[in-house]
C-alpha cells in the first residue's frame, strides 16, 4: 500500500511541476488530464483490494483476487498459518507449488494446505489452474490475522 500511495503523491507533484514549467497551456492541460486519469486508475486498483478482501467464516478461510474466489479452505485442511515477509512478487502468481496473492507490498501470511489443491488466480477461462501446497496472501496486520485464524482452526 505504501508504494501505491507514493506513486499517487509523486503523480500529484508531477502535475504541479509540469503545470508551472511548461510554457504551452494546451500541452500542460493534456498532461494534467493524462496524470489525473492515471490517478483514477491507481485509485481503482486500491478500491478493488478494499472492496473484495479475503475473509474468514466460521468454517473456512476465503481467499480472493479481486471479485474471484481463489480458494475456500476449510480450517481442517490447513496444516499451518505463519507470518512471512515475501516480497518476491508484487502481483498474484503461482510458482513452485506456492500461490501468492500479493499486492505491491508482497505477501505477509502463509497458509499451508494439508493436501495439495488445484486453484486458479482468475475466473478467466484462459488462466490455467495449478496445484499448490501453500497459499501466501497480503494482510495489513499479519500477526493478528495469524492468531485469529489459528484460534478458529483449533
N, C-alpha and C. Protein backbone atom coordinates (compact mmCIF):
# COMPACT_ATOMS: atom_id res chain seq x y z
N UNK A 1 0.83 -1.20 0.00
CA UNK A 1 0.00 0.00 0.00
C UNK A 1 0.87 1.26 0.00
N UNK A 2 2.02 1.19 0.67
CA UNK A 2 2.89 2.36 0.75
C UNK A 2 3.41 2.76 -0.63
N UNK A 3 3.76 1.77 -1.43
CA UNK A 3 4.27 2.07 -2.77
C UNK A 3 3.17 2.70 -3.62
N UNK A 4 1.97 2.19 -3.50
CA UNK A 4 0.84 2.74 -4.26
C UNK A 4 0.59 4.20 -3.87
N UNK A 5 0.60 4.48 -2.58
CA UNK A 5 0.41 5.86 -2.13
C UNK A 5 1.57 6.76 -2.58
N UNK A 6 2.78 6.22 -2.58
CA UNK A 6 3.93 7.00 -3.05
C UNK A 6 3.77 7.39 -4.52
N UNK A 7 3.28 6.44 -5.34
CA UNK A 7 3.02 6.76 -6.74
C UNK A 7 1.98 7.88 -6.87
N UNK A 8 0.96 7.83 -6.04
CA UNK A 8 -0.06 8.88 -6.06
C UNK A 8 0.52 10.24 -5.72
N UNK A 9 1.35 10.31 -4.69
CA UNK A 9 1.95 11.58 -4.28
C UNK A 9 2.90 12.09 -5.36
N UNK A 10 3.71 11.21 -5.92
CA UNK A 10 4.64 11.62 -6.98
C UNK A 10 3.87 12.14 -8.19
N UNK A 11 2.76 11.53 -8.53
CA UNK A 11 1.95 11.99 -9.65
C UNK A 11 1.40 13.39 -9.39
N UNK A 12 0.94 13.63 -8.17
CA UNK A 12 0.44 14.97 -7.83
C UNK A 12 1.54 16.02 -7.92
N UNK A 13 2.74 15.68 -7.45
CA UNK A 13 3.88 16.62 -7.55
C UNK A 13 4.23 16.85 -9.01
N UNK A 14 4.19 15.78 -9.81
CA UNK A 14 4.49 15.89 -11.23
C UNK A 14 3.51 16.85 -11.92
N UNK A 15 2.24 16.73 -11.61
CA UNK A 15 1.23 17.61 -12.21
C UNK A 15 1.52 19.06 -11.87
N UNK A 16 1.82 19.33 -10.62
CA UNK A 16 2.10 20.71 -10.19
C UNK A 16 3.35 21.26 -10.89
N UNK A 17 4.41 20.48 -10.94
CA UNK A 17 5.66 20.95 -11.55
C UNK A 17 5.48 21.17 -13.05
N UNK A 18 4.85 20.22 -13.74
CA UNK A 18 4.65 20.37 -15.18
C UNK A 18 3.77 21.58 -15.49
N UNK A 19 2.78 21.83 -14.66
CA UNK A 19 1.90 22.96 -14.87
C UNK A 19 2.67 24.28 -14.78
N UNK A 20 3.65 24.34 -13.88
CA UNK A 20 4.44 25.55 -13.71
C UNK A 20 5.56 25.69 -14.75
N UNK A 21 6.11 24.56 -15.19
CA UNK A 21 7.29 24.59 -16.07
C UNK A 21 6.94 24.71 -17.55
N UNK A 22 5.88 24.05 -17.98
CA UNK A 22 5.56 24.05 -19.40
C UNK A 22 5.00 25.40 -19.87
N UNK A 23 5.56 25.95 -20.94
CA UNK A 23 5.09 27.25 -21.43
C UNK A 23 3.84 27.14 -22.32
N UNK A 24 3.48 25.93 -22.74
CA UNK A 24 2.34 25.75 -23.63
C UNK A 24 1.12 25.29 -22.84
N UNK A 25 0.11 26.13 -22.74
CA UNK A 25 -1.08 25.77 -21.94
C UNK A 25 -1.79 24.50 -22.43
N UNK A 26 -1.83 24.30 -23.74
CA UNK A 26 -2.51 23.14 -24.28
C UNK A 26 -1.82 21.84 -23.85
N UNK A 27 -0.50 21.82 -23.94
CA UNK A 27 0.27 20.65 -23.52
C UNK A 27 0.14 20.43 -22.01
N UNK A 28 0.16 21.52 -21.28
CA UNK A 28 0.03 21.42 -19.82
C UNK A 28 -1.31 20.80 -19.42
N UNK A 29 -2.39 21.24 -20.07
CA UNK A 29 -3.72 20.70 -19.78
C UNK A 29 -3.80 19.22 -20.19
N UNK A 30 -3.23 18.88 -21.35
CA UNK A 30 -3.26 17.49 -21.82
C UNK A 30 -2.52 16.57 -20.86
N UNK A 31 -1.33 16.98 -20.43
CA UNK A 31 -0.56 16.16 -19.49
C UNK A 31 -1.24 16.07 -18.13
N UNK A 32 -1.90 17.13 -17.71
CA UNK A 32 -2.64 17.11 -16.45
C UNK A 32 -3.79 16.10 -16.53
N UNK A 33 -4.51 16.11 -17.65
CA UNK A 33 -5.61 15.15 -17.83
C UNK A 33 -5.11 13.70 -17.83
N UNK A 34 -3.99 13.46 -18.49
CA UNK A 34 -3.41 12.11 -18.51
C UNK A 34 -2.99 11.69 -17.09
N UNK A 35 -2.41 12.60 -16.34
CA UNK A 35 -1.99 12.29 -14.97
C UNK A 35 -3.19 12.03 -14.07
N UNK A 36 -4.25 12.81 -14.22
CA UNK A 36 -5.46 12.61 -13.42
C UNK A 36 -6.08 11.26 -13.77
N UNK A 37 -6.08 10.89 -15.05
CA UNK A 37 -6.59 9.59 -15.47
C UNK A 37 -5.77 8.47 -14.82
N UNK A 38 -4.45 8.62 -14.78
CA UNK A 38 -3.58 7.64 -14.13
C UNK A 38 -3.89 7.52 -12.64
N UNK A 39 -4.16 8.65 -11.99
CA UNK A 39 -4.53 8.63 -10.57
C UNK A 39 -5.86 7.90 -10.35
N UNK A 40 -6.80 8.10 -11.26
CA UNK A 40 -8.08 7.39 -11.15
C UNK A 40 -7.90 5.88 -11.29
N UNK A 41 -7.03 5.46 -12.21
CA UNK A 41 -6.74 4.04 -12.35
C UNK A 41 -6.09 3.49 -11.08
N UNK A 42 -5.17 4.26 -10.51
CA UNK A 42 -4.50 3.86 -9.28
C UNK A 42 -5.50 3.72 -8.13
N UNK A 43 -6.42 4.66 -8.03
CA UNK A 43 -7.45 4.58 -7.00
C UNK A 43 -8.36 3.37 -7.23
N UNK A 44 -8.60 3.03 -8.48
CA UNK A 44 -9.40 1.85 -8.80
C UNK A 44 -8.73 0.57 -8.33
N UNK A 45 -7.42 0.49 -8.49
CA UNK A 45 -6.68 -0.69 -8.00
C UNK A 45 -6.79 -0.79 -6.49
N UNK A 46 -6.61 0.33 -5.81
CA UNK A 46 -6.71 0.35 -4.35
C UNK A 46 -8.13 -0.04 -3.92
N UNK A 47 -9.12 0.53 -4.57
CA UNK A 47 -10.51 0.26 -4.19
C UNK A 47 -10.88 -1.20 -4.42
N UNK A 48 -10.37 -1.83 -5.47
CA UNK A 48 -10.71 -3.23 -5.73
C UNK A 48 -10.18 -4.14 -4.64
N UNK A 49 -9.04 -3.81 -4.06
CA UNK A 49 -8.49 -4.61 -2.96
C UNK A 49 -9.31 -4.40 -1.69
N UNK A 50 -9.74 -3.19 -1.43
CA UNK A 50 -10.52 -2.92 -0.22
C UNK A 50 -11.95 -3.42 -0.35
N UNK A 51 -12.49 -3.40 -1.55
CA UNK A 51 -13.88 -3.77 -1.76
C UNK A 51 -14.10 -5.28 -1.74
N UNK A 52 -13.06 -6.05 -2.06
CA UNK A 52 -13.18 -7.51 -2.14
C UNK A 52 -12.05 -8.17 -1.35
N UNK A 53 -12.05 -8.02 -0.03
CA UNK A 53 -10.94 -8.58 0.77
C UNK A 53 -11.10 -10.08 1.02
N UNK A 54 -10.02 -10.68 1.50
CA UNK A 54 -10.10 -12.05 1.99
C UNK A 54 -10.96 -12.00 3.25
N UNK A 55 -11.58 -13.12 3.61
CA UNK A 55 -12.37 -13.13 4.85
C UNK A 55 -12.43 -14.55 5.42
N UNK A 56 -12.81 -14.62 6.69
CA UNK A 56 -12.92 -15.89 7.39
C UNK A 56 -14.37 -16.09 7.81
N UNK A 57 -14.89 -17.29 7.54
CA UNK A 57 -16.22 -17.66 8.02
C UNK A 57 -16.02 -18.54 9.25
N UNK A 58 -17.10 -19.05 9.80
CA UNK A 58 -16.96 -19.93 10.96
C UNK A 58 -16.35 -21.28 10.58
N UNK A 59 -16.39 -21.64 9.29
CA UNK A 59 -15.90 -22.95 8.85
C UNK A 59 -14.66 -22.90 7.96
N UNK A 60 -14.39 -21.74 7.32
CA UNK A 60 -13.30 -21.72 6.35
C UNK A 60 -12.70 -20.33 6.15
N UNK A 61 -11.54 -20.34 5.51
CA UNK A 61 -10.85 -19.12 5.10
C UNK A 61 -11.09 -18.95 3.61
N UNK A 62 -11.59 -17.78 3.22
CA UNK A 62 -11.88 -17.50 1.81
C UNK A 62 -10.87 -16.46 1.31
N UNK A 63 -10.08 -16.88 0.32
CA UNK A 63 -9.06 -16.00 -0.26
C UNK A 63 -9.51 -15.58 -1.64
N UNK A 64 -9.38 -14.27 -1.90
CA UNK A 64 -9.89 -13.72 -3.16
C UNK A 64 -8.81 -12.93 -3.89
N UNK A 65 -9.01 -12.85 -5.19
CA UNK A 65 -8.22 -11.99 -6.06
C UNK A 65 -9.22 -11.11 -6.78
N UNK A 66 -9.43 -9.90 -6.26
CA UNK A 66 -10.49 -9.05 -6.80
C UNK A 66 -11.83 -9.68 -6.44
N UNK A 67 -12.70 -9.88 -7.43
CA UNK A 67 -14.01 -10.48 -7.17
C UNK A 67 -13.98 -12.00 -7.24
N UNK A 68 -12.89 -12.57 -7.73
CA UNK A 68 -12.78 -14.01 -7.92
C UNK A 68 -12.34 -14.71 -6.63
N UNK A 69 -13.09 -15.73 -6.21
CA UNK A 69 -12.68 -16.54 -5.06
C UNK A 69 -11.64 -17.53 -5.53
N UNK A 70 -10.41 -17.36 -5.05
CA UNK A 70 -9.31 -18.23 -5.43
C UNK A 70 -9.39 -19.55 -4.68
N UNK A 71 -9.66 -19.48 -3.37
CA UNK A 71 -9.73 -20.69 -2.56
C UNK A 71 -10.66 -20.49 -1.38
N UNK A 72 -11.44 -21.50 -1.10
CA UNK A 72 -12.28 -21.56 0.09
C UNK A 72 -11.75 -22.75 0.88
N UNK A 73 -10.93 -22.49 1.88
CA UNK A 73 -10.19 -23.53 2.57
C UNK A 73 -10.81 -23.82 3.94
N UNK A 74 -11.39 -25.00 4.11
CA UNK A 74 -11.88 -25.36 5.44
C UNK A 74 -10.71 -25.38 6.43
N UNK A 75 -10.96 -24.97 7.67
CA UNK A 75 -9.89 -24.90 8.67
C UNK A 75 -9.23 -26.25 8.90
N UNK A 76 -9.97 -27.34 8.76
CA UNK A 76 -9.40 -28.67 8.98
C UNK A 76 -8.37 -29.03 7.90
N UNK A 77 -8.40 -28.33 6.75
CA UNK A 77 -7.45 -28.59 5.65
C UNK A 77 -6.21 -27.70 5.72
N UNK A 78 -6.07 -26.91 6.78
CA UNK A 78 -4.92 -26.02 6.94
C UNK A 78 -3.91 -26.69 7.87
N UNK A 79 -2.67 -26.87 7.38
CA UNK A 79 -1.64 -27.51 8.20
C UNK A 79 -0.86 -26.49 9.03
N UNK A 80 -0.69 -25.27 8.52
CA UNK A 80 -0.02 -24.22 9.30
C UNK A 80 -0.44 -22.85 8.80
N UNK A 81 -0.31 -21.88 9.69
CA UNK A 81 -0.54 -20.46 9.36
C UNK A 81 0.58 -19.69 10.04
N UNK A 82 1.40 -19.01 9.24
CA UNK A 82 2.53 -18.26 9.81
C UNK A 82 2.67 -16.91 9.13
N UNK A 83 3.19 -15.91 9.85
CA UNK A 83 3.51 -14.65 9.19
C UNK A 83 4.79 -14.81 8.36
N UNK A 84 4.84 -14.19 7.21
CA UNK A 84 6.03 -14.23 6.34
C UNK A 84 6.31 -12.83 5.81
N UNK A 85 7.50 -12.65 5.34
CA UNK A 85 7.88 -11.42 4.63
C UNK A 85 8.33 -11.86 3.24
N UNK A 86 7.36 -11.96 2.34
CA UNK A 86 7.64 -12.43 0.99
C UNK A 86 7.41 -11.29 0.02
N UNK A 87 8.48 -10.63 -0.36
CA UNK A 87 8.40 -9.54 -1.31
C UNK A 87 8.91 -9.94 -2.68
N UNK A 88 8.93 -11.27 -2.96
CA UNK A 88 9.47 -11.73 -4.23
C UNK A 88 8.60 -11.37 -5.43
N UNK A 89 7.29 -11.19 -5.18
CA UNK A 89 6.38 -10.79 -6.27
C UNK A 89 5.47 -9.68 -5.76
N UNK A 90 4.95 -8.89 -6.67
CA UNK A 90 4.06 -7.79 -6.29
C UNK A 90 2.71 -7.89 -7.01
N UNK A 91 2.43 -9.06 -7.55
CA UNK A 91 1.15 -9.32 -8.21
C UNK A 91 0.81 -10.78 -8.00
N UNK A 92 -0.45 -11.13 -8.06
CA UNK A 92 -0.82 -12.53 -7.87
C UNK A 92 -0.12 -13.45 -8.87
N UNK A 93 0.45 -14.55 -8.37
CA UNK A 93 1.16 -15.50 -9.23
C UNK A 93 1.24 -16.86 -8.55
N UNK A 94 1.51 -17.88 -9.35
CA UNK A 94 1.73 -19.23 -8.83
C UNK A 94 3.06 -19.72 -9.37
N UNK A 95 3.93 -20.20 -8.45
CA UNK A 95 5.22 -20.74 -8.85
C UNK A 95 5.68 -21.75 -7.81
N UNK A 96 6.22 -22.87 -8.27
CA UNK A 96 6.77 -23.91 -7.39
C UNK A 96 5.78 -24.40 -6.35
N UNK A 97 4.53 -24.50 -6.71
CA UNK A 97 3.52 -25.01 -5.79
C UNK A 97 3.07 -24.03 -4.73
N UNK A 98 3.46 -22.78 -4.88
CA UNK A 98 3.04 -21.73 -3.93
C UNK A 98 2.27 -20.65 -4.68
N UNK A 99 1.05 -20.42 -4.24
CA UNK A 99 0.24 -19.34 -4.82
C UNK A 99 0.50 -18.09 -3.98
N UNK A 100 0.74 -16.99 -4.64
CA UNK A 100 0.98 -15.73 -3.94
C UNK A 100 -0.08 -14.72 -4.38
N UNK A 101 -0.94 -14.33 -3.45
CA UNK A 101 -1.96 -13.31 -3.71
C UNK A 101 -1.38 -12.00 -3.19
N UNK A 102 -0.39 -11.51 -3.92
CA UNK A 102 0.42 -10.38 -3.46
C UNK A 102 -0.15 -9.04 -3.90
N UNK A 103 0.20 -8.02 -3.15
CA UNK A 103 -0.05 -6.64 -3.54
C UNK A 103 1.31 -6.01 -3.79
N UNK A 104 1.35 -4.69 -3.94
CA UNK A 104 2.63 -4.01 -4.14
C UNK A 104 3.58 -4.21 -2.96
N UNK A 105 3.05 -4.59 -1.81
CA UNK A 105 3.88 -4.83 -0.62
C UNK A 105 4.21 -6.30 -0.43
N UNK A 106 3.89 -7.15 -1.38
CA UNK A 106 4.19 -8.57 -1.28
C UNK A 106 3.14 -9.33 -0.48
N UNK A 107 3.58 -10.40 0.18
CA UNK A 107 2.70 -11.26 0.99
C UNK A 107 3.17 -11.24 2.43
N UNK A 108 2.21 -11.31 3.36
CA UNK A 108 2.56 -11.27 4.78
C UNK A 108 2.09 -12.50 5.56
N UNK A 109 1.23 -13.35 4.99
CA UNK A 109 0.72 -14.52 5.69
C UNK A 109 0.85 -15.73 4.76
N UNK A 110 1.35 -16.85 5.32
CA UNK A 110 1.44 -18.11 4.57
C UNK A 110 0.51 -19.13 5.20
N UNK A 111 -0.27 -19.81 4.36
CA UNK A 111 -1.19 -20.85 4.81
C UNK A 111 -0.77 -22.15 4.12
N UNK A 112 -0.38 -23.14 4.93
CA UNK A 112 -0.02 -24.44 4.39
C UNK A 112 -1.26 -25.30 4.28
N UNK A 113 -1.35 -26.05 3.19
CA UNK A 113 -2.50 -26.91 2.96
C UNK A 113 -2.16 -28.34 3.37
N UNK A 114 -3.08 -29.02 4.05
CA UNK A 114 -2.86 -30.39 4.48
C UNK A 114 -2.66 -31.32 3.28
N UNK A 115 -3.35 -31.03 2.18
CA UNK A 115 -3.15 -31.77 0.94
C UNK A 115 -3.20 -30.77 -0.21
N UNK A 116 -2.41 -31.00 -1.26
CA UNK A 116 -2.40 -30.06 -2.38
C UNK A 116 -3.79 -29.90 -2.99
N UNK A 117 -4.04 -28.71 -3.50
CA UNK A 117 -5.34 -28.46 -4.16
C UNK A 117 -5.11 -27.62 -5.41
N UNK A 118 -6.03 -27.76 -6.35
CA UNK A 118 -5.96 -27.05 -7.63
C UNK A 118 -6.69 -25.72 -7.48
N UNK A 119 -6.02 -24.63 -7.87
CA UNK A 119 -6.64 -23.30 -7.83
C UNK A 119 -6.33 -22.54 -9.11
N UNK A 120 -7.14 -21.52 -9.37
CA UNK A 120 -6.91 -20.60 -10.49
C UNK A 120 -6.95 -19.19 -9.91
N UNK A 121 -6.05 -18.34 -10.34
CA UNK A 121 -5.98 -16.98 -9.80
C UNK A 121 -7.09 -16.08 -10.30
N UNK A 122 -7.65 -16.39 -11.47
CA UNK A 122 -8.74 -15.57 -12.01
C UNK A 122 -9.83 -16.48 -12.54
N UNK A 123 -10.97 -15.90 -12.82
CA UNK A 123 -12.08 -16.66 -13.41
C UNK A 123 -11.94 -16.72 -14.93
N UNK A 124 -10.92 -16.07 -15.47
CA UNK A 124 -10.67 -16.04 -16.90
C UNK A 124 -10.44 -17.47 -17.40
N UNK A 125 -11.14 -17.87 -18.42
CA UNK A 125 -11.01 -19.22 -18.96
C UNK A 125 -9.63 -19.52 -19.50
N UNK A 126 -8.88 -18.51 -19.89
CA UNK A 126 -7.53 -18.73 -20.42
C UNK A 126 -6.51 -18.96 -19.32
N UNK A 127 -6.83 -18.57 -18.09
CA UNK A 127 -5.92 -18.74 -16.97
C UNK A 127 -5.97 -20.19 -16.50
N UNK A 128 -4.86 -20.88 -16.61
CA UNK A 128 -4.82 -22.28 -16.21
C UNK A 128 -4.80 -22.41 -14.69
N UNK A 129 -5.36 -23.48 -14.21
CA UNK A 129 -5.30 -23.75 -12.78
C UNK A 129 -4.01 -24.51 -12.49
N UNK A 130 -3.55 -24.43 -11.27
CA UNK A 130 -2.33 -25.09 -10.85
C UNK A 130 -2.55 -25.74 -9.50
N UNK A 131 -1.78 -26.78 -9.23
CA UNK A 131 -1.83 -27.45 -7.94
C UNK A 131 -0.85 -26.78 -7.01
N UNK A 132 -1.33 -26.40 -5.82
CA UNK A 132 -0.47 -25.72 -4.84
C UNK A 132 -0.55 -26.43 -3.49
N UNK A 133 0.51 -26.26 -2.70
CA UNK A 133 0.54 -26.81 -1.35
C UNK A 133 0.60 -25.71 -0.29
N UNK A 134 0.74 -24.47 -0.77
CA UNK A 134 0.79 -23.31 0.13
C UNK A 134 0.23 -22.10 -0.59
N UNK A 135 -0.48 -21.26 0.18
CA UNK A 135 -1.01 -20.02 -0.37
C UNK A 135 -0.54 -18.88 0.53
N UNK A 136 0.09 -17.89 -0.07
CA UNK A 136 0.51 -16.70 0.67
C UNK A 136 -0.35 -15.54 0.22
N UNK A 137 -0.69 -14.66 1.17
CA UNK A 137 -1.53 -13.53 0.82
C UNK A 137 -1.14 -12.29 1.61
N UNK A 138 -1.59 -11.15 1.11
CA UNK A 138 -1.32 -9.87 1.74
C UNK A 138 -2.31 -9.62 2.87
N UNK A 139 -1.82 -9.06 3.96
CA UNK A 139 -2.67 -8.71 5.10
C UNK A 139 -2.07 -7.48 5.77
N UNK A 140 -2.92 -6.57 6.20
CA UNK A 140 -2.43 -5.34 6.84
C UNK A 140 -1.78 -5.62 8.19
N UNK A 141 -2.36 -6.52 8.97
CA UNK A 141 -1.84 -6.83 10.30
C UNK A 141 -1.63 -8.34 10.39
N UNK A 142 -0.51 -8.81 9.84
CA UNK A 142 -0.25 -10.25 9.73
C UNK A 142 -0.29 -10.99 11.07
N UNK A 143 0.36 -10.49 12.13
CA UNK A 143 0.31 -11.23 13.40
C UNK A 143 -1.12 -11.42 13.92
N UNK A 144 -1.94 -10.39 13.79
CA UNK A 144 -3.33 -10.51 14.25
C UNK A 144 -4.12 -11.50 13.38
N UNK A 145 -3.90 -11.46 12.08
CA UNK A 145 -4.58 -12.40 11.18
C UNK A 145 -4.18 -13.83 11.52
N UNK A 146 -2.88 -14.05 11.73
CA UNK A 146 -2.39 -15.39 12.05
C UNK A 146 -2.99 -15.90 13.36
N UNK A 147 -3.00 -15.06 14.39
CA UNK A 147 -3.55 -15.50 15.67
C UNK A 147 -5.07 -15.75 15.58
N UNK A 148 -5.78 -14.92 14.86
CA UNK A 148 -7.23 -15.11 14.71
C UNK A 148 -7.55 -16.39 13.94
N UNK A 149 -6.80 -16.65 12.87
CA UNK A 149 -7.03 -17.87 12.09
C UNK A 149 -6.61 -19.12 12.87
N UNK A 150 -5.52 -19.01 13.63
CA UNK A 150 -5.08 -20.13 14.47
C UNK A 150 -6.14 -20.47 15.50
N UNK A 151 -6.75 -19.44 16.08
CA UNK A 151 -7.80 -19.67 17.08
C UNK A 151 -9.02 -20.35 16.45
N UNK A 152 -9.38 -19.97 15.25
CA UNK A 152 -10.53 -20.58 14.58
C UNK A 152 -10.22 -22.01 14.13
N UNK A 153 -8.96 -22.25 13.86
CA UNK A 153 -8.53 -23.56 13.35
C UNK A 153 -8.56 -24.62 14.45
N UNK A 154 -8.42 -24.22 15.69
CA UNK A 154 -8.34 -25.19 16.81
C UNK A 154 -9.69 -25.58 17.34
